[in-house]
Amino acid sequence: MFTDELIILESSLRNYMLDSLNEGGRPGVSAMKYRGLTLNIDDRDKETPVFKVRIAALEAAFRIRDGIKITGSLAGDEKLVEKWYFRGYNKQQMEEIVSGSDKNLGEKVREAISRDFVQNFINNMK
């Protein structure tokens, strides 16, 4: 149900990170690092749903309410995630996904990621 929205958000974040590299403000950072970037939403705690971003071996969780990092680390990429979150309709899309969930969204996300991971990986390798 929310697979398309999550893929769009994940792609938007990946593109934002890559664009930041192209602007020349991140010397020494390789674009390869972002090929495996994943984004998912965890709404098990209904009071404080979070979105999780994983880049390489690093992962951090951010509150959907305000985009503030609450756990983990993405090293220098945390500020970029926070900036991306408030650009366009990213925050609104995540809020709509959480408010419209009729079962544990974390399960939906895991199903979507496992199903789409191979296809995304193949597409990103081209």
PDB file of N, CA and C in Angstrom:
ATOM      1  N   MET A   1       0.819  -1.195   0.000  1.00  0.00           N
ATOM      2  CA  MET A   1       0.000   0.000   0.000  1.00  0.00           C
ATOM      3  C   MET A   1       0.864   1.260   0.000  1.00  0.00           C
ATOM      4  N   PHE A   2       1.886   1.319   0.879  1.00  0.00           N
ATOM      5  CA  PHE A   2       2.733   2.497   0.965  1.00  0.00           C
ATOM      6  C   PHE A   2       4.073   2.303   0.275  1.00  0.00           C
ATOM      7  N   THR A   3       4.239   1.201  -0.427  1.00  0.00           N
ATOM      8  CA  THR A   3       5.512   0.896  -1.049  1.00  0.00           C
ATOM      9  C   THR A   3       5.957   2.011  -1.985  1.00  0.00           C
ATOM     10  N   ASP A   4       5.071   2.477  -2.842  1.00  0.00           N
ATOM     11  CA  ASP A   4       5.436   3.513  -3.806  1.00  0.00           C
ATOM     12  C   ASP A   4       5.883   4.798  -3.117  1.00  0.00           C
ATOM     13  N   GLU A   5       5.154   5.206  -2.076  1.00  0.00           N
ATOM     14  CA  GLU A   5       5.512   6.423  -1.366  1.00  0.00           C
ATOM     15  C   GLU A   5       6.893   6.307  -0.720  1.00  0.00           C
ATOM     16  N   LEU A   6       7.174   5.156  -0.134  1.00  0.00           N
ATOM     17  CA  LEU A   6       8.473   4.958   0.515  1.00  0.00           C
ATOM     18  C   LEU A   6       9.607   4.935  -0.504  1.00  0.00           C
ATOM     19  N   ILE A   7       9.382   4.323  -1.640  1.00  0.00           N
ATOM     20  CA  ILE A   7      10.406   4.295  -2.685  1.00  0.00           C
ATOM     21  C   ILE A   7      10.669   5.709  -3.189  1.00  0.00           C
ATOM     22  N   ILE A   8       9.622   6.493  -3.352  1.00  0.00           N
ATOM     23  CA  ILE A   8       9.790   7.873  -3.808  1.00  0.00           C
ATOM     24  C   ILE A   8      10.565   8.686  -2.772  1.00  0.00           C
ATOM     25  N   LEU A   9      10.211   8.549  -1.501  1.00  0.00           N
ATOM     26  CA  LEU A   9      10.941   9.268  -0.447  1.00  0.00           C
ATOM     27  C   LEU A   9      12.402   8.843  -0.396  1.00  0.00           C
ATOM     28  N   GLU A  10      12.644   7.541  -0.465  1.00  0.00           N
ATOM     29  CA  GLU A  10      14.020   7.030  -0.429  1.00  0.00           C
ATOM     30  C   GLU A  10      14.825   7.560  -1.611  1.00  0.00           C
ATOM     31  N   SER A  11      14.226   7.542  -2.782  1.00  0.00           N
ATOM     32  CA  SER A  11      14.895   8.043  -3.984  1.00  0.00           C
ATOM     33  C   SER A  11      15.162   9.546  -3.868  1.00  0.00           C
ATOM     34  N   SER A  12      14.209  10.272  -3.327  1.00  0.00           N
ATOM     35  CA  SER A  12      14.369  11.710  -3.137  1.00  0.00           C
ATOM     36  C   SER A  12      15.542  12.003  -2.200  1.00  0.00           C
ATOM     37  N   LEU A  13      15.649  11.255  -1.116  1.00  0.00           N
ATOM     38  CA  LEU A  13      16.752  11.450  -0.182  1.00  0.00           C
ATOM     39  C   LEU A  13      18.085  11.106  -0.840  1.00  0.00           C
ATOM     40  N   ARG A  14      18.132   9.992  -1.549  1.00  0.00           N
ATOM     41  CA  ARG A  14      19.369   9.588  -2.235  1.00  0.00           C
ATOM     42  C   ARG A  14      19.794  10.679  -3.222  1.00  0.00           C
ATOM     43  N   ASN A  15      18.858  11.181  -4.012  1.00  0.00           N
ATOM     44  CA  ASN A  15      19.179  12.220  -4.995  1.00  0.00           C
ATOM     45  C   ASN A  15      19.652  13.506  -4.312  1.00  0.00           C
ATOM     46  N   TYR A  16      19.041  13.841  -3.198  1.00  0.00           N
ATOM     47  CA  TYR A  16      19.457  15.031  -2.456  1.00  0.00           C
ATOM     48  C   TYR A  16      20.898  14.883  -1.966  1.00  0.00           C
ATOM     49  N   MET A  17      21.225  13.699  -1.458  1.00  0.00           N
ATOM     50  CA  MET A  17      22.592  13.446  -0.994  1.00  0.00           C
ATOM     51  C   MET A  17      23.578  13.535  -2.158  1.00  0.00           C
ATOM     52  N   LEU A  18      23.219  12.936  -3.286  1.00  0.00           N
ATOM     53  CA  LEU A  18      24.107  12.974  -4.456  1.00  0.00           C
ATOM     54  C   LEU A  18      24.259  14.395  -4.983  1.00  0.00           C
ATOM     55  N   ASP A  19      23.172  15.151  -4.996  1.00  0.00           N
ATOM     56  CA  ASP A  19      23.255  16.549  -5.436  1.00  0.00           C
ATOM     57  C   ASP A  19      24.189  17.347  -4.542  1.00  0.00           C
ATOM     58  N   SER A  20      24.186  17.036  -3.254  1.00  0.00           N
ATOM     59  CA  SER A  20      25.083  17.751  -2.345  1.00  0.00           C
ATOM     60  C   SER A  20      26.542  17.461  -2.691  1.00  0.00           C
ATOM     61  N   LEU A  21      26.815  16.250  -3.190  1.00  0.00           N
ATOM     62  CA  LEU A  21      28.175  15.925  -3.635  1.00  0.00           C
ATOM     63  C   LEU A  21      28.530  16.720  -4.879  1.00  0.00           C
ATOM     64  N   ASN A  22      27.587  16.816  -5.803  1.00  0.00           N
ATOM     65  CA  ASN A  22      27.828  17.507  -7.061  1.00  0.00           C
ATOM     66  C   ASN A  22      28.047  19.004  -6.883  1.00  0.00           C
ATOM     67  N   GLU A  23      27.537  19.552  -5.796  1.00  0.00           N
ATOM     68  CA  GLU A  23      27.721  20.980  -5.545  1.00  0.00           C
ATOM     69  C   GLU A  23      29.119  21.290  -5.034  1.00  0.00           C
ATOM     70  N   GLY A  24      29.928  20.245  -4.838  1.00  0.00           N
ATOM     71  CA  GLY A  24      31.324  20.452  -4.474  1.00  0.00           C
ATOM     72  C   GLY A  24      31.577  20.696  -3.006  1.00  0.00           C
ATOM     73  N   GLY A  25      30.548  20.623  -2.192  1.00  0.00           N
ATOM     74  CA  GLY A  25      30.734  20.910  -0.784  1.00  0.00           C
ATOM     75  C   GLY A  25      31.142  19.713   0.049  1.00  0.00           C
ATOM     76  N   ARG A  26      31.425  18.576  -0.571  1.00  0.00           N
ATOM     77  CA  ARG A  26      31.726  17.373   0.201  1.00  0.00           C
ATOM     78  C   ARG A  26      32.925  16.639  -0.386  1.00  0.00           C
ATOM     79  N   PRO A  27      34.094  17.236  -0.344  1.00  0.00           N
ATOM     80  CA  PRO A  27      35.271  16.572  -0.915  1.00  0.00           C
ATOM     81  C   PRO A  27      35.576  15.263  -0.198  1.00  0.00           C
ATOM     82  N   GLY A  28      35.994  14.286  -0.971  1.00  0.00           N
ATOM     83  CA  GLY A  28      36.389  13.004  -0.408  1.00  0.00           C
ATOM     84  C   GLY A  28      35.255  12.030  -0.180  1.00  0.00           C
ATOM     85  N   VAL A  29      34.003  12.419  -0.448  1.00  0.00           N
ATOM     86  CA  VAL A  29      32.869  11.521  -0.257  1.00  0.00           C
ATOM     87  C   VAL A  29      32.517  10.912  -1.605  1.00  0.00           C
ATOM     88  N   SER A  30      32.408   9.613  -1.654  1.00  0.00           N
ATOM     89  CA  SER A  30      32.108   8.899  -2.896  1.00  0.00           C
ATOM     90  C   SER A  30      30.607   8.683  -3.062  1.00  0.00           C
ATOM     91  N   ALA A  31      30.132   8.853  -4.283  1.00  0.00           N
ATOM     92  CA  ALA A  31      28.722   8.615  -4.585  1.00  0.00           C
ATOM     93  C   ALA A  31      28.329   7.163  -4.342  1.00  0.00           C
ATOM     94  N   MET A  32      29.287   6.247  -4.400  1.00  0.00           N
ATOM     95  CA  MET A  32      29.002   4.822  -4.175  1.00  0.00           C
ATOM     96  C   MET A  32      28.400   4.604  -2.781  1.00  0.00           C
ATOM     97  N   LYS A  33      28.759   5.432  -1.856  1.00  0.00           N
ATOM     98  CA  LYS A  33      28.291   5.312  -0.481  1.00  0.00           C
ATOM     99  C   LYS A  33      26.762   5.335  -0.398  1.00  0.00           C
ATOM    100  N   TYR A  34      26.110   6.062  -1.304  1.00  0.00           N
ATOM    101  CA  TYR A  34      24.668   6.250  -1.231  1.00  0.00           C
ATOM    102  C   TYR A  34      23.861   5.226  -2.027  1.00  0.00           C
ATOM    103  N   ARG A  35      24.522   4.345  -2.733  1.00  0.00           N
ATOM    104  CA  ARG A  35      23.779   3.342  -3.509  1.00  0.00           C
ATOM    105  C   ARG A  35      22.936   2.441  -2.638  1.00  0.00           C
ATOM    106  N   GLY A  36      23.411   2.123  -1.457  1.00  0.00           N
ATOM    107  CA  GLY A  36      22.667   1.240  -0.565  1.00  0.00           C
ATOM    108  C   GLY A  36      21.821   1.973   0.461  1.00  0.00           C
ATOM    109  N   LEU A  37      21.641   3.275   0.297  1.00  0.00           N
ATOM    110  CA  LEU A  37      20.840   4.051   1.230  1.00  0.00           C
ATOM    111  C   LEU A  37      19.433   3.475   1.322  1.00  0.00           C
ATOM    112  N   THR A  38      18.937   3.308   2.541  1.00  0.00           N
ATOM    113  CA  THR A  38      17.552   2.866   2.729  1.00  0.00           C
ATOM    114  C   THR A  38      16.857   3.799   3.697  1.00  0.00           C
ATOM    115  N   LEU A  39      15.565   3.919   3.520  1.00  0.00           N
ATOM    116  CA  LEU A  39      14.728   4.720   4.392  1.00  0.00           C
ATOM    117  C   LEU A  39      13.508   3.877   4.724  1.00  0.00           C
ATOM    118  N   ASN A  40      13.156   3.809   5.997  1.00  0.00           N
ATOM    119  CA  ASN A  40      11.910   3.143   6.362  1.00  0.00           C
ATOM    120  C   ASN A  40      11.274   3.872   7.523  1.00  0.00           C
ATOM    121  N   ILE A  41      10.035   3.547   7.769  1.00  0.00           N
ATOM    122  CA  ILE A  41       9.263   4.188   8.823  1.00  0.00           C
ATOM    123  C   ILE A  41       8.910   3.137   9.859  1.00  0.00           C
ATOM    124  N   ASP A  42       9.097   3.505  11.109  1.00  0.00           N
ATOM    125  CA  ASP A  42       8.768   2.618  12.226  1.00  0.00           C
ATOM    126  C   ASP A  42       7.723   3.330  13.076  1.00  0.00           C
ATOM    127  N   ASP A  43       6.508   2.800  13.070  1.00  0.00           N
ATOM    128  CA  ASP A  43       5.430   3.426  13.839  1.00  0.00           C
ATOM    129  C   ASP A  43       4.949   2.542  14.986  1.00  0.00           C
ATOM    130  N   ARG A  44       5.806   1.639  15.448  1.00  0.00           N
ATOM    131  CA  ARG A  44       5.405   0.783  16.567  1.00  0.00           C
ATOM    132  C   ARG A  44       5.083   1.597  17.808  1.00  0.00           C
ATOM    133  N   ASP A  45       5.831   2.675  18.027  1.00  0.00           N
ATOM    134  CA  ASP A  45       5.512   3.596  19.113  1.00  0.00           C
ATOM    135  C   ASP A  45       4.602   4.663  18.515  1.00  0.00           C
ATOM    136  N   LYS A  46       3.307   4.514  18.715  1.00  0.00           N
ATOM    137  CA  LYS A  46       2.319   5.418  18.098  1.00  0.00           C
ATOM    138  C   LYS A  46       2.497   6.870  18.532  1.00  0.00           C
ATOM    139  N   GLU A  47       3.066   7.071  19.726  1.00  0.00           N
ATOM    140  CA  GLU A  47       3.271   8.434  20.221  1.00  0.00           C
ATOM    141  C   GLU A  47       4.433   9.129  19.521  1.00  0.00           C
ATOM    142  N   THR A  48       5.446   8.353  19.128  1.00  0.00           N
ATOM    143  CA  THR A  48       6.646   8.933  18.519  1.00  0.00           C
ATOM    144  C   THR A  48       7.104   8.079  17.340  1.00  0.00           C
ATOM    145  N   PRO A  49       6.370   8.106  16.215  1.00  0.00           N
ATOM    146  CA  PRO A  49       6.851   7.363  15.047  1.00  0.00           C
ATOM    147  C   PRO A  49       8.144   7.987  14.525  1.00  0.00           C
ATOM    148  N   VAL A  50       9.000   7.143  13.964  1.00  0.00           N
ATOM    149  CA  VAL A  50      10.292   7.608  13.470  1.00  0.00           C
ATOM    150  C   VAL A  50      10.520   7.131  12.043  1.00  0.00           C
ATOM    151  N   PHE A  51      11.406   7.836  11.355  1.00  0.00           N
ATOM    152  CA  PHE A  51      11.911   7.304  10.090  1.00  0.00           C
ATOM    153  C   PHE A  51      13.381   7.003  10.302  1.00  0.00           C
ATOM    154  N   LYS A  52      13.801   5.879   9.744  1.00  0.00           N
ATOM    155  CA  LYS A  52      15.178   5.426   9.899  1.00  0.00           C
ATOM    156  C   LYS A  52      15.884   5.494   8.556  1.00  0.00           C
ATOM    157  N   VAL A  53      17.094   5.999   8.596  1.00  0.00           N
ATOM    158  CA  VAL A  53      17.924   6.100   7.405  1.00  0.00           C
ATOM    159  C   VAL A  53      19.170   5.265   7.654  1.00  0.00           C
ATOM    160  N   ARG A  54      19.493   4.430   6.682  1.00  0.00           N
ATOM    161  CA  ARG A  54      20.704   3.612   6.760  1.00  0.00           C
ATOM    162  C   ARG A  54      21.568   3.951   5.557  1.00  0.00           C
ATOM    163  N   ILE A  55      22.836   4.300   5.848  1.00  0.00           N
ATOM    164  CA  ILE A  55      23.809   4.590   4.798  1.00  0.00           C
ATOM    165  C   ILE A  55      25.041   3.762   5.135  1.00  0.00           C
ATOM    166  N   ALA A  56      25.355   2.833   4.258  1.00  0.00           N
ATOM    167  CA  ALA A  56      26.456   1.895   4.509  1.00  0.00           C
ATOM    168  C   ALA A  56      26.196   1.191   5.838  1.00  0.00           C
ATOM    169  N   ALA A  57      27.127   1.236   6.755  1.00  0.00           N
ATOM    170  CA  ALA A  57      26.965   0.531   8.035  1.00  0.00           C
ATOM    171  C   ALA A  57      26.367   1.427   9.116  1.00  0.00           C
ATOM    172  N   LEU A  58      26.019   2.648   8.785  1.00  0.00           N
ATOM    173  CA  LEU A  58      25.497   3.595   9.772  1.00  0.00           C
ATOM    174  C   LEU A  58      23.980   3.709   9.665  1.00  0.00           C
ATOM    175  N   GLU A  59      23.330   3.886  10.805  1.00  0.00           N
ATOM    176  CA  GLU A  59      21.871   4.048  10.817  1.00  0.00           C
ATOM    177  C   GLU A  59      21.493   5.041  11.908  1.00  0.00           C
ATOM    178  N   ALA A  60      20.484   5.850  11.610  1.00  0.00           N
ATOM    179  CA  ALA A  60      19.966   6.795  12.601  1.00  0.00           C
ATOM    180  C   ALA A  60      18.456   6.868  12.463  1.00  0.00           C
ATOM    181  N   ALA A  61      17.787   7.159  13.573  1.00  0.00           N
ATOM    182  CA  ALA A  61      16.334   7.329  13.593  1.00  0.00           C
ATOM    183  C   ALA A  61      16.014   8.787  13.886  1.00  0.00           C
ATOM    184  N   PHE A  62      15.034   9.317  13.168  1.00  0.00           N
ATOM    185  CA  PHE A  62      14.611  10.707  13.293  1.00  0.00           C
ATOM    186  C   PHE A  62      13.120  10.733  13.585  1.00  0.00           C
ATOM    187  N   ARG A  63      12.692  11.606  14.499  1.00  0.00           N
ATOM    188  CA  ARG A  63      11.256  11.725  14.798  1.00  0.00           C
ATOM    189  C   ARG A  63      10.535  12.314  13.600  1.00  0.00           C
ATOM    190  N   ILE A  64       9.398  11.738  13.256  1.00  0.00           N
ATOM    191  CA  ILE A  64       8.609  12.270  12.153  1.00  0.00           C
ATOM    192  C   ILE A  64       8.001  13.605  12.539  1.00  0.00           C
ATOM    193  N   ARG A  65       7.680  13.784  13.786  1.00  0.00           N
ATOM    194  CA  ARG A  65       7.054  15.032  14.255  1.00  0.00           C
ATOM    195  C   ARG A  65       7.890  16.259  13.916  1.00  0.00           C
ATOM    196  N   ASP A  66       9.223  16.174  14.144  1.00  0.00           N
ATOM    197  CA  ASP A  66      10.042  17.379  13.984  1.00  0.00           C
ATOM    198  C   ASP A  66      11.369  17.150  13.261  1.00  0.00           C
ATOM    199  N   GLY A  67      11.631  15.916  12.799  1.00  0.00           N
ATOM    200  CA  GLY A  67      12.842  15.633  12.040  1.00  0.00           C
ATOM    201  C   GLY A  67      14.117  15.575  12.864  1.00  0.00           C
ATOM    202  N   ILE A  68      14.012  15.585  14.185  1.00  0.00           N
ATOM    203  CA  ILE A  68      15.186  15.575  15.057  1.00  0.00           C
ATOM    204  C   ILE A  68      15.694  14.142  15.220  1.00  0.00           C
ATOM    205  N   LYS A  69      17.019  13.975  15.110  1.00  0.00           N
ATOM    206  CA  LYS A  69      17.629  12.659  15.300  1.00  0.00           C
ATOM    207  C   LYS A  69      17.491  12.262  16.757  1.00  0.00           C
ATOM    208  N   ILE A  70      17.041  11.011  16.990  1.00  0.00           N
ATOM    209  CA  ILE A  70      16.890  10.558  18.372  1.00  0.00           C
ATOM    210  C   ILE A  70      17.818   9.400  18.720  1.00  0.00           C
ATOM    211  N   THR A  71      18.241   8.620  17.733  1.00  0.00           N
ATOM    212  CA  THR A  71      19.198   7.538  18.007  1.00  0.00           C
ATOM    213  C   THR A  71      20.106   7.337  16.799  1.00  0.00           C
ATOM    214  N   GLY A  72      21.251   6.727  17.053  1.00  0.00           N
ATOM    215  CA  GLY A  72      22.161   6.352  15.978  1.00  0.00           C
ATOM    216  C   GLY A  72      23.024   7.492  15.489  1.00  0.00           C
ATOM    217  N   SER A  73      23.691   7.214  14.360  1.00  0.00           N
ATOM    218  CA  SER A  73      24.592   8.204  13.779  1.00  0.00           C
ATOM    219  C   SER A  73      24.739   7.965  12.282  1.00  0.00           C
ATOM    220  N   LEU A  74      24.789   9.049  11.545  1.00  0.00           N
ATOM    221  CA  LEU A  74      25.111   9.010  10.116  1.00  0.00           C
ATOM    222  C   LEU A  74      26.349   9.860   9.847  1.00  0.00           C
ATOM    223  N   ALA A  75      27.084  10.146  10.890  1.00  0.00           N
ATOM    224  CA  ALA A  75      28.283  10.979  10.803  1.00  0.00           C
ATOM    225  C   ALA A  75      27.921  12.316  10.160  1.00  0.00           C
ATOM    226  N   GLY A  76      28.604  12.706   9.108  1.00  0.00           N
ATOM    227  CA  GLY A  76      28.369  14.002   8.478  1.00  0.00           C
ATOM    228  C   GLY A  76      27.088  14.111   7.678  1.00  0.00           C
ATOM    229  N   ASP A  77      26.373  13.015   7.504  1.00  0.00           N
ATOM    230  CA  ASP A  77      25.164  13.042   6.687  1.00  0.00           C
ATOM    231  C   ASP A  77      23.901  13.390   7.466  1.00  0.00           C
ATOM    232  N   GLU A  78      23.975  13.461   8.779  1.00  0.00           N
ATOM    233  CA  GLU A  78      22.782  13.742   9.586  1.00  0.00           C
ATOM    234  C   GLU A  78      22.157  15.082   9.238  1.00  0.00           C
ATOM    235  N   LYS A  79      22.977  16.112   9.096  1.00  0.00           N
ATOM    236  CA  LYS A  79      22.453  17.445   8.787  1.00  0.00           C
ATOM    237  C   LYS A  79      21.779  17.466   7.419  1.00  0.00           C
ATOM    238  N   LEU A  80      22.323  16.709   6.468  1.00  0.00           N
ATOM    239  CA  LEU A  80      21.694  16.646   5.154  1.00  0.00           C
ATOM    240  C   LEU A  80      20.318  15.978   5.229  1.00  0.00           C
ATOM    241  N   VAL A  81      20.199  14.932   6.035  1.00  0.00           N
ATOM    242  CA  VAL A  81      18.900  14.268   6.202  1.00  0.00           C
ATOM    243  C   VAL A  81      17.899  15.251   6.806  1.00  0.00           C
ATOM    244  N   GLU A  82      18.326  15.983   7.820  1.00  0.00           N
ATOM    245  CA  GLU A  82      17.429  16.955   8.450  1.00  0.00           C
ATOM    246  C   GLU A  82      17.002  18.045   7.472  1.00  0.00           C
ATOM    247  N   LYS A  83      17.919  18.538   6.650  1.00  0.00           N
ATOM    248  CA  LYS A  83      17.570  19.556   5.645  1.00  0.00           C
ATOM    249  C   LYS A  83      16.612  18.987   4.613  1.00  0.00           C
ATOM    250  N   TRP A  84      16.897  17.771   4.132  1.00  0.00           N
ATOM    251  CA  TRP A  84      16.029  17.123   3.152  1.00  0.00           C
ATOM    252  C   TRP A  84      14.616  16.951   3.703  1.00  0.00           C
ATOM    253  N   TYR A  85      14.515  16.582   4.971  1.00  0.00           N
ATOM    254  CA  TYR A  85      13.219  16.290   5.575  1.00  0.00           C
ATOM    255  C   TYR A  85      12.252  17.464   5.447  1.00  0.00           C
ATOM    256  N   PHE A  86      12.763  18.686   5.568  1.00  0.00           N
ATOM    257  CA  PHE A  86      11.895  19.853   5.525  1.00  0.00           C
ATOM    258  C   PHE A  86      11.773  20.470   4.134  1.00  0.00           C
ATOM    259  N   ARG A  87      12.394  19.866   3.145  1.00  0.00           N
ATOM    260  CA  ARG A  87      12.271  20.357   1.762  1.00  0.00           C
ATOM    261  C   ARG A  87      11.020  19.761   1.129  1.00  0.00           C
ATOM    262  N   GLY A  88      10.334  20.570   0.361  1.00  0.00           N
ATOM    263  CA  GLY A  88       9.167  20.066  -0.362  1.00  0.00           C
ATOM    264  C   GLY A  88       8.134  19.457   0.573  1.00  0.00           C
ATOM    265  N   TYR A  89       7.642  18.291   0.184  1.00  0.00           N
ATOM    266  CA  TYR A  89       6.564  17.641   0.929  1.00  0.00           C
ATOM    267  C   TYR A  89       7.025  16.388   1.656  1.00  0.00           C
ATOM    268  N   ASN A  90       8.311  16.233   1.904  1.00  0.00           N
ATOM    269  CA  ASN A  90       8.822  15.021   2.535  1.00  0.00           C
ATOM    270  C   ASN A  90       8.200  14.781   3.906  1.00  0.00           C
ATOM    271  N   LYS A  91       8.194  15.792   4.743  1.00  0.00           N
ATOM    272  CA  LYS A  91       7.611  15.660   6.083  1.00  0.00           C
ATOM    273  C   LYS A  91       6.129  15.318   5.984  1.00  0.00           C
ATOM    274  N   GLN A  92       5.423  16.025   5.141  1.00  0.00           N
ATOM    275  CA  GLN A  92       3.983  15.799   4.982  1.00  0.00           C
ATOM    276  C   GLN A  92       3.701  14.376   4.487  1.00  0.00           C
ATOM    277  N   GLN A  93       4.496  13.895   3.539  1.00  0.00           N
ATOM    278  CA  GLN A  93       4.287  12.540   3.029  1.00  0.00           C
ATOM    279  C   GLN A  93       4.469  11.506   4.132  1.00  0.00           C
ATOM    280  N   MET A  94       5.487  11.669   4.962  1.00  0.00           N
ATOM    281  CA  MET A  94       5.701  10.714   6.049  1.00  0.00           C
ATOM    282  C   MET A  94       4.561  10.766   7.059  1.00  0.00           C
ATOM    283  N   GLU A  95       4.098  11.966   7.374  1.00  0.00           N
ATOM    284  CA  GLU A  95       2.974  12.092   8.310  1.00  0.00           C
ATOM    285  C   GLU A  95       1.724  11.409   7.747  1.00  0.00           C
ATOM    286  N   GLU A  96       1.495  11.552   6.446  1.00  0.00           N
ATOM    287  CA  GLU A  96       0.336  10.919   5.825  1.00  0.00           C
ATOM    288  C   GLU A  96       0.465   9.396   5.838  1.00  0.00           C
ATOM    289  N   ILE A  97       1.659   8.896   5.605  1.00  0.00           N
ATOM    290  CA  ILE A  97       1.874   7.445   5.640  1.00  0.00           C
ATOM    291  C   ILE A  97       1.558   6.909   7.035  1.00  0.00           C
ATOM    292  N   VAL A  98       2.071   7.583   8.058  1.00  0.00           N
ATOM    293  CA  VAL A  98       1.855   7.117   9.427  1.00  0.00           C
ATOM    294  C   VAL A  98       0.377   7.231   9.813  1.00  0.00           C
ATOM    295  N   SER A  99      -0.252   8.325   9.477  1.00  0.00           N
ATOM    296  CA  SER A  99      -1.654   8.499   9.880  1.00  0.00           C
ATOM    297  C   SER A  99      -2.586   7.551   9.141  1.00  0.00           C
ATOM    298  N   GLY A 100      -2.157   7.069   7.985  1.00  0.00           N
ATOM    299  CA  GLY A 100      -3.006   6.173   7.208  1.00  0.00           C
ATOM    300  C   GLY A 100      -2.703   4.710   7.416  1.00  0.00           C
ATOM    301  N   SER A 101      -1.787   4.391   8.338  1.00  0.00           N
ATOM    302  CA  SER A 101      -1.415   2.992   8.495  1.00  0.00           C
ATOM    303  C   SER A 101      -2.512   2.231   9.222  1.00  0.00           C
ATOM    304  N   ASP A 102      -2.875   1.070   8.670  1.00  0.00           N
ATOM    305  CA  ASP A 102      -3.910   0.256   9.285  1.00  0.00           C
ATOM    306  C   ASP A 102      -3.339  -1.009   9.911  1.00  0.00           C
ATOM    307  N   LYS A 103      -2.050  -1.239   9.755  1.00  0.00           N
ATOM    308  CA  LYS A 103      -1.352  -2.309  10.473  1.00  0.00           C
ATOM    309  C   LYS A 103       0.056  -1.809  10.718  1.00  0.00           C
ATOM    310  N   ASN A 104       0.845  -2.540  11.376  1.00  0.00           N
ATOM    311  CA  ASN A 104       2.187  -2.092  11.707  1.00  0.00           C
ATOM    312  C   ASN A 104       2.940  -1.717  10.443  1.00  0.00           C
ATOM    313  N   LEU A 105       3.213  -0.439  10.293  1.00  0.00           N
ATOM    314  CA  LEU A 105       3.875   0.051   9.090  1.00  0.00           C
ATOM    315  C   LEU A 105       5.282  -0.494   8.966  1.00  0.00           C
ATOM    316  N   GLY A 106       5.928  -0.750  10.083  1.00  0.00           N
ATOM    317  CA  GLY A 106       7.267  -1.329  10.029  1.00  0.00           C
ATOM    318  C   GLY A 106       7.274  -2.636   9.265  1.00  0.00           C
ATOM    319  N   GLU A 107       6.252  -3.447   9.451  1.00  0.00           N
ATOM    320  CA  GLU A 107       6.147  -4.704   8.707  1.00  0.00           C
ATOM    321  C   GLU A 107       5.975  -4.430   7.209  1.00  0.00           C
ATOM    322  N   LYS A 108       5.136  -3.454   6.867  1.00  0.00           N
ATOM    323  CA  LYS A 108       4.935  -3.103   5.459  1.00  0.00           C
ATOM    324  C   LYS A 108       6.246  -2.647   4.830  1.00  0.00           C
ATOM    325  N   VAL A 109       6.994  -1.853   5.578  1.00  0.00           N
ATOM    326  CA  VAL A 109       8.261  -1.342   5.070  1.00  0.00           C
ATOM    327  C   VAL A 109       9.235  -2.481   4.832  1.00  0.00           C
ATOM    328  N   ARG A 110       9.359  -3.379   5.822  1.00  0.00           N
ATOM    329  CA  ARG A 110      10.273  -4.512   5.652  1.00  0.00           C
ATOM    330  C   ARG A 110       9.881  -5.360   4.446  1.00  0.00           C
ATOM    331  N   GLU A 111       8.577  -5.579   4.257  1.00  0.00           N
ATOM    332  CA  GLU A 111       8.117  -6.340   3.094  1.00  0.00           C
ATOM    333  C   GLU A 111       8.494  -5.611   1.801  1.00  0.00           C
ATOM    334  N   ALA A 112       8.262  -4.305   1.774  1.00  0.00           N
ATOM    335  CA  ALA A 112       8.552  -3.521   0.574  1.00  0.00           C
ATOM    336  C   ALA A 112      10.037  -3.510   0.262  1.00  0.00           C
ATOM    337  N   ILE A 113      10.846  -3.344   1.292  1.00  0.00           N
ATOM    338  CA  ILE A 113      12.290  -3.282   1.075  1.00  0.00           C
ATOM    339  C   ILE A 113      12.807  -4.614   0.570  1.00  0.00           C
ATOM    340  N   SER A 114      12.376  -5.699   1.175  1.00  0.00           N
ATOM    341  CA  SER A 114      12.884  -6.998   0.732  1.00  0.00           C
ATOM    342  C   SER A 114      12.447  -7.301  -0.695  1.00  0.00           C
ATOM    343  N   ARG A 115      11.243  -6.897  -1.061  1.00  0.00           N
ATOM    344  CA  ARG A 115      10.729  -7.155  -2.398  1.00  0.00           C
ATOM    345  C   ARG A 115      11.410  -6.269  -3.442  1.00  0.00           C
ATOM    346  N   ASP A 116      11.674  -5.027  -3.086  1.00  0.00           N
ATOM    347  CA  ASP A 116      12.194  -4.064  -4.049  1.00  0.00           C
ATOM    348  C   ASP A 116      13.707  -3.892  -4.001  1.00  0.00           C
ATOM    349  N   PHE A 117      14.343  -4.453  -2.986  1.00  0.00           N
ATOM    350  CA  PHE A 117      15.784  -4.260  -2.825  1.00  0.00           C
ATOM    351  C   PHE A 117      16.563  -4.715  -4.049  1.00  0.00           C
ATOM    352  N   VAL A 118      16.275  -5.904  -4.533  1.00  0.00           N
ATOM    353  CA  VAL A 118      17.028  -6.445  -5.661  1.00  0.00           C
ATOM    354  C   VAL A 118      16.841  -5.563  -6.887  1.00  0.00           C
ATOM    355  N   GLN A 119      15.600  -5.165  -7.159  1.00  0.00           N
ATOM    356  CA  GLN A 119      15.347  -4.329  -8.338  1.00  0.00           C
ATOM    357  C   GLN A 119      16.044  -2.978  -8.213  1.00  0.00           C
ATOM    358  N   ASN A 120      15.985  -2.346  -7.036  1.00  0.00           N
ATOM    359  CA  ASN A 120      16.663  -1.070  -6.833  1.00  0.00           C
ATOM    360  C   ASN A 120      18.172  -1.219  -6.984  1.00  0.00           C
ATOM    361  N   PHE A 121      18.713  -2.300  -6.439  1.00  0.00           N
ATOM    362  CA  PHE A 121      20.147  -2.535  -6.536  1.00  0.00           C
ATOM    363  C   PHE A 121      20.565  -2.649  -7.992  1.00  0.00           C
ATOM    364  N   ILE A 122      19.817  -3.426  -8.775  1.00  0.00           N
ATOM    365  CA  ILE A 122      20.139  -3.611 -10.198  1.00  0.00           C
ATOM    366  C   ILE A 122      20.054  -2.276 -10.932  1.00  0.00           C
ATOM    367  N   ASN A 123      19.000  -1.503 -10.666  1.00  0.00           N
ATOM    368  CA  ASN A 123      18.843  -0.214 -11.336  1.00  0.00           C
ATOM    369  C   ASN A 123      19.967   0.751 -10.979  1.00  0.00           C
ATOM    370  N   ASN A 124      20.412   0.744  -9.732  1.00  0.00           N
ATOM    371  CA  ASN A 124      21.468   1.649  -9.305  1.00  0.00           C
ATOM    372  C   ASN A 124      22.838   1.253  -9.839  1.00  0.00           C
ATOM    373  N   MET A 125      23.007   0.015 -10.230  1.00  0.00           N
ATOM    374  CA  MET A 125      24.279  -0.449 -10.757  1.00  0.00           C
ATOM    375  C   MET A 125      24.480  -0.045 -12.214  1.00  0.00           C
ATOM    376  N   LYS A 126      23.426   0.367 -12.875  1.00  0.00           N
ATOM    377  CA  LYS A 126      23.526   0.719 -14.305  1.00  0.00           C
ATOM    378  C   LYS A 126      24.215   2.046 -14.492  1.00  0.00           C
TER     379      LYS A 126
END
